[in-house]
Amino acid sequence: MIDVLRIISAPLVAFYFLAIKFRNYLFDKGIFKTERVNAKVISVGNITVGGSGKTPAVLYLAELMKRNGIRAGILSRGYRRKTSGYLLVSDGKKIYSTVDDCGDEMYFVSTETSLPTAVSENRVDGCKRMLEETDIEAIILDDAFQHRWIHRDIDIVIIDQRFLNKTGNKEQRLLPLGNMREPFDSLKRADLIILNRKFLDDYSLPESLKHHFENKPVFRAYYEVEGIYDVKTHKKYSFEDFKGQKSLIVCGVAKPHSFLNVLEKNEIDFTNKMLFPDHKNYTLKEVQAIRKQFYDTNAYSVLTTQKDAVKLTKYSKELDDIDIFYLKISLKIEDSEKFDDMIISKIKYNPTHKN
């Protein structure tokens, strides 16, 4: 159905392209003004919709800030949250929001990092409010490559390497026909690029795209499994503990291929699965459907992603009799020492601009 709608809306691609080009032109020429805030700003974004690995990249940067003694916070728009405007999610010690109010990704990031976090559609206003309410000196912006109203000291773009290999595919067309927010030539704005192969084997860039990455620091990255964790006890397990068991796989992410691929590589049976749309806000009806399939298929456990586990915990009472486990992953960057030095040299040693 989605593919049909995209094809029908294909004539709008030209209008979208012109709008993007005109908007970027206005920023490039200084007609649209970029505003600085009293903090160092790292932007993590992409040129496609969903599934590139922005959240693991944000977690990587959060840990990097901690290791280097930099007081950092994280700001996101809070995709698919049920609130609007600015909202402080956590002060780094206590979480003040719910999954519904701040969105699944920011709630997940807040629990993982123990850093100050907030959501705001307006990144400039959000940064200013965050600086007033917390003691931070650097801000990591999640999904902000297109949000050009705020000055950033480092502009990072992360791209799913599997997507790059789909040359000629409609996915490499602009919205609404394809998956691209901006054309490849927008990468000239990036300070550095991360090619995320996730759990797949590495491969070279297609010849037709190489010129877009010239004269840019390009880092290759991949996912590493840290373990499988019990949602209730947080006890860590290995893949060996799940081999030969029939689990119900529950997944609501943009591109479930990587999640399913790592299960397959580790000989985990994933034939019994329920796949949901990205950022799925689970309702009681869907939780009951999960319960039904779990018992109808005589499954041993539910195995899901960490972001899905965060959303399912609010139904802990309804799922109390089912063992739920999540796969915990982290982003690993090849030549991480060089990558880390590039980030820290921009953040730690350059003077902060004052308003």
Protein backbone atom coordinates (compact mmCIF):
# COMPACT_ATOMS: atom_id res chain seq x y z
CA MET A 1 0.00 0.00 0.00
CA ILE A 2 2.84 2.39 0.92
CA ASP A 3 4.62 1.64 -2.38
CA VAL A 4 1.43 2.41 -4.32
CA LEU A 5 1.03 5.75 -2.54
CA ARG A 6 4.64 6.61 -3.26
CA ILE A 7 4.25 5.91 -6.95
CA ILE A 8 1.08 7.99 -7.10
CA SER A 9 2.89 10.88 -5.42
CA ALA A 10 5.97 10.62 -7.69
CA PRO A 11 5.16 13.86 -9.59
CA LEU A 12 5.67 15.73 -6.30
CA VAL A 13 9.37 14.77 -6.25
CA ALA A 14 10.26 17.69 -8.54
CA PHE A 15 8.51 20.17 -6.25
CA TYR A 16 10.20 18.65 -3.20
CA PHE A 17 13.60 18.88 -4.93
CA LEU A 18 13.08 22.55 -5.78
CA ALA A 19 11.93 23.33 -2.25
CA ILE A 20 15.03 21.64 -0.74
CA LYS A 21 17.37 23.40 -3.16
CA PHE A 22 15.79 26.81 -2.56
CA ARG A 23 15.83 26.40 1.22
CA ASN A 24 19.50 25.36 1.23
CA TYR A 25 20.33 28.27 -1.08
CA LEU A 26 18.78 30.72 1.38
CA PHE A 27 20.90 29.30 4.20
CA ASP A 28 24.07 29.16 2.10
CA LYS A 29 23.69 32.82 1.13
CA GLY A 30 22.92 33.93 4.68
CA ILE A 31 19.39 35.05 3.88
CA PHE A 32 18.14 32.53 6.41
CA LYS A 33 20.23 33.16 9.53
CA THR A 34 21.87 30.46 11.62
CA GLU A 35 21.90 31.18 15.36
CA ARG A 36 24.65 30.27 17.81
CA VAL A 37 24.03 29.16 21.38
CA ASN A 38 26.34 29.32 24.37
CA ALA A 39 27.56 25.74 24.03
CA LYS A 40 29.42 23.49 21.68
CA VAL A 41 26.99 21.71 19.37
CA ILE A 42 27.40 18.31 17.70
CA SER A 43 24.75 17.42 15.15
CA VAL A 44 24.04 13.81 14.20
CA GLY A 45 21.79 13.35 11.20
CA ASN A 46 21.27 11.65 7.87
CA ILE A 47 20.00 12.24 4.35
CA THR A 48 17.49 9.39 4.40
CA VAL A 49 14.42 8.48 6.44
CA GLY A 50 14.90 6.00 9.25
CA GLY A 51 17.24 3.17 10.01
CA SER A 52 20.73 4.64 9.55
CA GLY A 53 21.93 4.28 13.13
CA LYS A 54 21.58 7.80 14.53
CA THR A 55 20.63 6.63 18.02
CA PRO A 56 23.65 4.30 18.46
CA ALA A 57 25.82 7.15 17.16
CA VAL A 58 24.35 9.52 19.76
CA LEU A 59 25.07 6.94 22.48
CA TYR A 60 28.65 6.60 21.21
CA LEU A 61 29.15 10.37 21.37
CA ALA A 62 27.55 10.57 24.82
CA GLU A 63 30.04 8.04 26.14
CA LEU A 64 32.89 9.89 24.42
CA MET A 65 31.88 13.12 26.16
CA LYS A 66 31.79 11.38 29.52
CA ARG A 67 35.25 9.84 29.07
CA ASN A 68 36.70 13.26 28.30
CA GLY A 69 35.06 15.09 31.17
CA ILE A 70 32.77 17.17 28.98
CA ARG A 71 29.40 18.06 30.49
CA ALA A 72 27.08 17.19 27.63
CA GLY A 73 23.34 16.99 27.10
CA ILE A 74 21.23 15.51 24.32
CA LEU A 75 18.40 17.24 22.47
CA SER A 76 15.94 15.66 20.06
CA ARG A 77 12.63 16.69 18.54
CA GLY A 78 10.99 13.67 20.21
CA TYR A 79 9.59 11.87 17.19
CA ARG A 80 6.01 10.61 17.58
CA ARG A 81 5.66 11.87 21.12
CA LYS A 82 2.25 12.88 22.42
CA THR A 83 3.38 16.31 23.59
CA SER A 84 4.68 19.41 21.81
CA GLY A 85 7.09 22.22 22.59
CA TYR A 86 10.05 22.01 24.94
CA LEU A 87 10.22 19.27 27.57
CA LEU A 88 13.11 18.42 29.89
CA VAL A 89 13.18 14.62 29.91
CA SER A 90 16.00 14.07 32.38
CA ASP A 91 18.47 16.15 34.39
CA GLY A 92 20.94 13.28 34.23
CA LYS A 93 19.88 11.91 37.59
CA LYS A 94 16.13 11.53 37.32
CA ILE A 95 13.80 10.96 34.38
CA TYR A 96 10.80 13.29 34.54
CA SER A 97 8.93 12.10 31.45
CA THR A 98 7.18 9.02 30.13
CA VAL A 99 7.79 7.17 26.87
CA ASP A 100 4.59 8.63 25.41
CA ASP A 101 5.44 12.20 26.37
CA CYS A 102 9.02 12.30 25.07
CA GLY A 103 9.10 9.54 22.43
CA ASP A 104 10.67 6.10 22.52
CA GLU A 105 14.13 7.10 21.31
CA MET A 106 14.68 9.90 23.82
CA TYR A 107 13.38 7.83 26.71
CA PHE A 108 15.72 5.03 25.68
CA VAL A 109 18.66 7.45 25.34
CA SER A 110 17.88 8.95 28.75
CA THR A 111 17.97 5.57 30.47
CA GLU A 112 21.17 4.53 28.69
CA THR A 113 23.29 7.66 29.13
CA SER A 114 22.28 9.25 32.45
CA LEU A 115 22.92 12.62 30.80
CA PRO A 116 20.57 15.62 30.72
CA THR A 117 18.11 15.14 27.86
CA ALA A 118 15.29 17.18 26.37
CA VAL A 119 12.94 17.31 23.40
CA SER A 120 11.94 20.31 21.32
CA GLU A 121 10.86 20.80 17.72
CA ASN A 122 12.68 24.13 17.74
CA ARG A 123 16.33 23.23 18.27
CA VAL A 124 17.47 26.80 18.98
CA ASP A 125 14.84 27.32 21.66
CA GLY A 126 15.43 23.81 22.99
CA CYS A 127 19.17 24.39 23.37
CA LYS A 128 18.65 27.71 25.14
CA ARG A 129 16.11 26.23 27.57
CA MET A 130 18.39 23.28 28.25
CA LEU A 131 21.34 25.55 28.99
CA GLU A 132 19.18 27.48 31.46
CA GLU A 133 17.98 24.35 33.26
CA THR A 134 21.11 22.17 33.31
CA ASP A 135 24.84 22.56 33.86
CA ILE A 136 26.04 21.50 30.40
CA GLU A 137 28.69 22.88 28.08
CA ALA A 138 28.03 20.78 24.97
CA ILE A 139 24.87 19.58 23.26
CA ILE A 140 24.43 16.54 21.02
CA LEU A 141 21.60 17.16 18.56
CA ASP A 142 19.80 14.03 17.42
CA ASP A 143 18.52 14.08 13.81
CA ALA A 144 19.44 17.68 13.05
CA PHE A 145 21.23 17.69 9.67
CA GLN A 146 18.21 19.37 8.05
CA HIS A 147 17.64 21.72 11.00
CA ARG A 148 19.94 24.47 9.77
CA TRP A 149 18.61 27.27 11.99
CA ILE A 150 21.15 26.40 14.68
CA HIS A 151 24.92 26.67 14.29
CA ARG A 152 26.79 23.45 14.90
CA ASP A 153 30.50 22.97 15.56
CA ILE A 154 30.48 19.49 14.06
CA ASP A 155 28.01 18.18 11.49
CA ILE A 156 28.00 14.37 11.39
CA VAL A 157 26.05 12.42 8.80
CA ILE A 158 25.53 8.68 9.26
CA ILE A 159 24.42 6.53 6.33
CA ASP A 160 23.30 2.91 6.12
CA GLN A 161 25.92 1.31 3.89
CA ARG A 162 23.36 -1.16 2.55
CA PHE A 163 21.34 1.79 1.24
CA LEU A 164 24.31 3.09 -0.76
CA ASN A 165 24.56 -0.18 -2.62
CA LYS A 166 21.04 0.22 -4.02
CA THR A 167 22.08 2.35 -6.99
CA GLY A 168 19.27 2.69 -9.50
CA ASN A 169 16.70 1.64 -6.92
CA LYS A 170 13.78 3.96 -6.25
CA GLU A 171 14.88 4.11 -2.61
CA GLN A 172 17.67 6.44 -3.78
CA ARG A 173 15.10 8.91 -5.04
CA LEU A 174 13.90 11.91 -3.09
CA LEU A 175 10.75 11.84 -1.00
CA PRO A 176 7.94 11.10 -1.49
CA LEU A 177 8.92 8.48 -4.11
CA GLY A 178 12.12 7.34 -2.45
CA ASN A 179 13.72 7.45 0.99
CA MET A 180 16.00 10.47 0.58
CA ARG A 181 15.41 13.64 2.56
CA GLU A 182 18.08 15.41 0.55
CA PRO A 183 20.14 14.56 -2.55
CA PHE A 184 23.65 13.17 -2.18
CA ASP A 185 25.25 16.52 -3.02
CA SER A 186 24.01 17.85 0.34
CA LEU A 187 26.81 15.81 1.91
CA LYS A 188 29.10 18.75 1.14
CA ARG A 189 27.73 20.35 4.33
CA ALA A 190 28.91 17.45 6.49
CA ASP A 191 32.12 17.73 8.50
CA LEU A 192 32.46 13.96 8.63
CA ILE A 193 30.52 10.93 7.42
CA ILE A 194 29.94 7.56 9.05
CA LEU A 195 29.14 4.58 6.82
CA ASN A 196 27.30 2.09 9.01
CA ARG A 197 27.35 -1.48 7.76
CA LYS A 198 25.53 -2.67 10.89
CA PHE A 199 25.88 -6.47 11.01
CA LEU A 200 26.73 -6.93 7.35
CA ASP A 201 30.09 -7.46 5.65
CA ASP A 202 32.02 -4.42 4.52
CA TYR A 203 32.07 -3.41 0.87
CA SER A 204 33.30 -0.47 -1.18
CA LEU A 205 31.31 2.54 -2.28
CA PRO A 206 29.62 2.29 -5.69
CA GLU A 207 31.68 4.12 -8.32
CA SER A 208 28.73 6.37 -9.21
CA LEU A 209 28.60 7.77 -5.66
CA LYS A 210 32.29 8.09 -4.76
CA HIS A 211 32.57 11.72 -5.83
CA HIS A 212 30.06 12.74 -3.16
CA PHE A 213 32.46 11.50 -0.46
CA GLU A 214 35.68 13.00 -1.78
CA ASN A 215 37.59 15.40 0.48
CA LYS A 216 35.50 14.33 3.45
CA PRO A 217 36.62 12.32 6.49
CA VAL A 218 34.75 9.04 6.06
CA PHE A 219 34.62 6.50 8.89
CA ARG A 220 33.28 2.98 8.67
CA ALA A 221 31.22 1.61 11.52
CA TYR A 222 29.37 -1.54 12.50
CA TYR A 223 27.18 -2.93 15.26
CA GLU A 224 28.44 -5.20 17.98
CA VAL A 225 26.14 -7.26 20.19
CA GLU A 226 26.74 -6.63 23.87
CA GLY A 227 24.37 -9.37 24.95
CA ILE A 228 20.77 -10.43 25.39
CA TYR A 229 19.15 -9.02 28.53
CA ASP A 230 16.11 -9.94 30.60
CA VAL A 231 13.73 -6.96 30.66
CA LYS A 232 12.69 -7.64 34.26
CA THR A 233 15.98 -8.62 35.93
CA HIS A 234 18.47 -7.09 33.46
CA LYS A 235 20.46 -10.31 33.69
CA LYS A 236 22.75 -10.83 30.72
CA TYR A 237 22.54 -13.89 28.48
CA SER A 238 24.40 -15.07 25.38
CA PHE A 239 23.12 -16.32 22.02
CA GLU A 240 24.04 -19.83 23.13
CA ASP A 241 21.28 -19.65 25.74
CA PHE A 242 18.67 -19.18 22.99
CA LYS A 243 19.84 -21.69 20.41
CA GLY A 244 17.30 -24.44 19.87
CA GLN A 245 14.56 -22.48 21.64
CA LYS A 246 11.46 -21.21 19.91
CA SER A 247 11.16 -17.50 20.62
CA LEU A 248 8.60 -15.01 19.38
CA ILE A 249 10.47 -12.17 17.67
CA VAL A 250 8.85 -8.75 18.14
CA CYS A 251 10.33 -5.84 16.24
CA GLY A 252 9.18 -2.28 15.46
CA VAL A 253 12.15 -0.55 13.81
CA ALA A 254 12.58 1.13 10.42
CA LYS A 255 14.76 -1.59 8.89
CA PRO A 256 14.38 -4.91 10.73
CA HIS A 257 16.73 -6.67 8.29
CA SER A 258 19.81 -6.08 10.46
CA PHE A 259 18.08 -7.32 13.61
CA LEU A 260 16.84 -10.47 11.88
CA ASN A 261 20.20 -10.95 10.16
CA VAL A 262 22.14 -11.06 13.42
CA LEU A 263 19.66 -13.56 14.84
CA GLU A 264 20.09 -15.75 11.77
CA LYS A 265 23.91 -15.52 11.92
CA ASN A 266 23.78 -16.71 15.52
CA GLU A 267 21.40 -19.59 14.74
CA ILE A 268 18.38 -18.12 16.48
CA ASP A 269 15.06 -19.26 15.00
CA PHE A 270 13.20 -16.13 13.86
CA THR A 271 10.46 -17.74 11.77
CA ASN A 272 7.91 -16.92 14.48
CA LYS A 273 7.88 -13.13 14.30
CA MET A 274 5.68 -10.05 14.52
CA LEU A 275 7.02 -6.99 12.67
CA PHE A 276 5.60 -3.54 13.35
CA PRO A 277 6.24 -0.08 11.83
CA ASP A 278 9.13 2.09 13.06
CA HIS A 279 8.56 3.92 16.38
CA LYS A 280 5.54 1.75 17.01
CA ASN A 281 3.50 2.97 19.96
CA TYR A 282 2.16 -0.33 21.24
CA THR A 283 -1.47 -0.37 22.32
CA LEU A 284 -3.25 -2.84 24.56
CA LYS A 285 -4.73 -4.44 21.44
CA GLU A 286 -1.28 -5.18 20.04
CA VAL A 287 0.01 -6.39 23.39
CA GLN A 288 -2.92 -8.81 23.50
CA ALA A 289 -2.02 -9.93 19.96
CA ILE A 290 1.55 -10.58 21.12
CA ARG A 291 0.22 -12.62 24.04
CA LYS A 292 -2.03 -14.61 21.74
CA GLN A 293 0.73 -15.44 19.25
CA PHE A 294 3.12 -16.27 22.08
CA TYR A 295 0.77 -18.87 23.53
CA ASP A 296 -0.65 -20.10 20.19
CA THR A 297 2.87 -20.90 18.95
CA ASN A 298 4.03 -22.32 22.29
CA ALA A 299 6.97 -19.90 22.31
CA TYR A 300 9.61 -20.02 25.02
CA SER A 301 10.16 -16.27 25.24
CA VAL A 302 9.77 -12.92 23.47
CA LEU A 303 12.95 -11.56 21.91
CA THR A 304 12.92 -7.92 20.84
CA THR A 305 15.05 -4.82 20.26
CA GLN A 306 16.10 -2.57 23.10
CA LYS A 307 13.93 0.31 21.88
CA ASP A 308 10.89 -1.96 21.64
CA ALA A 309 11.60 -3.30 25.12
CA VAL A 310 11.43 0.25 26.51
CA LYS A 311 7.93 0.68 25.05
CA LEU A 312 6.69 -2.74 26.16
CA THR A 313 7.67 -2.16 29.79
CA LYS A 314 4.61 0.03 30.33
CA TYR A 315 2.58 -3.15 29.83
CA SER A 316 4.55 -5.05 32.46
CA LYS A 317 1.34 -6.10 34.21
CA GLU A 318 -0.21 -7.53 31.01
CA LEU A 319 3.05 -9.28 30.09
CA ASP A 320 4.06 -10.36 33.58
CA ASP A 321 3.72 -14.07 32.75
CA ILE A 322 5.92 -13.84 29.63
CA ASP A 323 9.71 -13.77 29.67
CA ILE A 324 10.88 -10.86 27.51
CA PHE A 325 14.47 -10.36 26.42
CA TYR A 326 16.10 -7.64 24.33
CA LEU A 327 19.18 -7.55 22.14
CA LYS A 328 21.59 -4.82 23.25
CA ILE A 329 23.90 -3.43 20.59
CA SER A 330 26.52 -0.71 20.38
CA LEU A 331 28.12 1.19 17.52
CA LYS A 332 31.81 0.51 16.90
CA ILE A 333 33.84 2.84 14.70
CA GLU A 334 36.90 1.70 12.81
CA ASP A 335 39.87 3.98 13.46
CA SER A 336 38.00 5.20 16.53
CA GLU A 337 41.04 6.97 17.92
CA LYS A 338 41.18 9.29 14.91
CA PHE A 339 37.40 9.81 15.03
CA ASP A 340 37.44 10.57 18.76
CA ASP A 341 40.32 13.02 18.39
CA MET A 342 38.48 14.91 15.63
CA ILE A 343 35.42 15.31 17.84
CA ILE A 344 37.23 16.23 21.03
CA SER A 345 39.58 18.71 19.33
CA LYS A 346 36.52 20.62 18.07
CA ILE A 347 34.64 20.50 21.37
CA LYS A 348 37.22 20.70 24.11
CA TYR A 349 39.84 23.04 22.80
CA ASN A 350 38.01 25.61 20.69
CA PRO A 351 36.45 28.53 22.60
CA THR A 352 32.67 28.54 22.92
CA HIS A 353 30.91 31.31 21.02
CA LYS A 354 28.91 33.69 23.16
CA ASN A 355 25.57 35.10 22.11
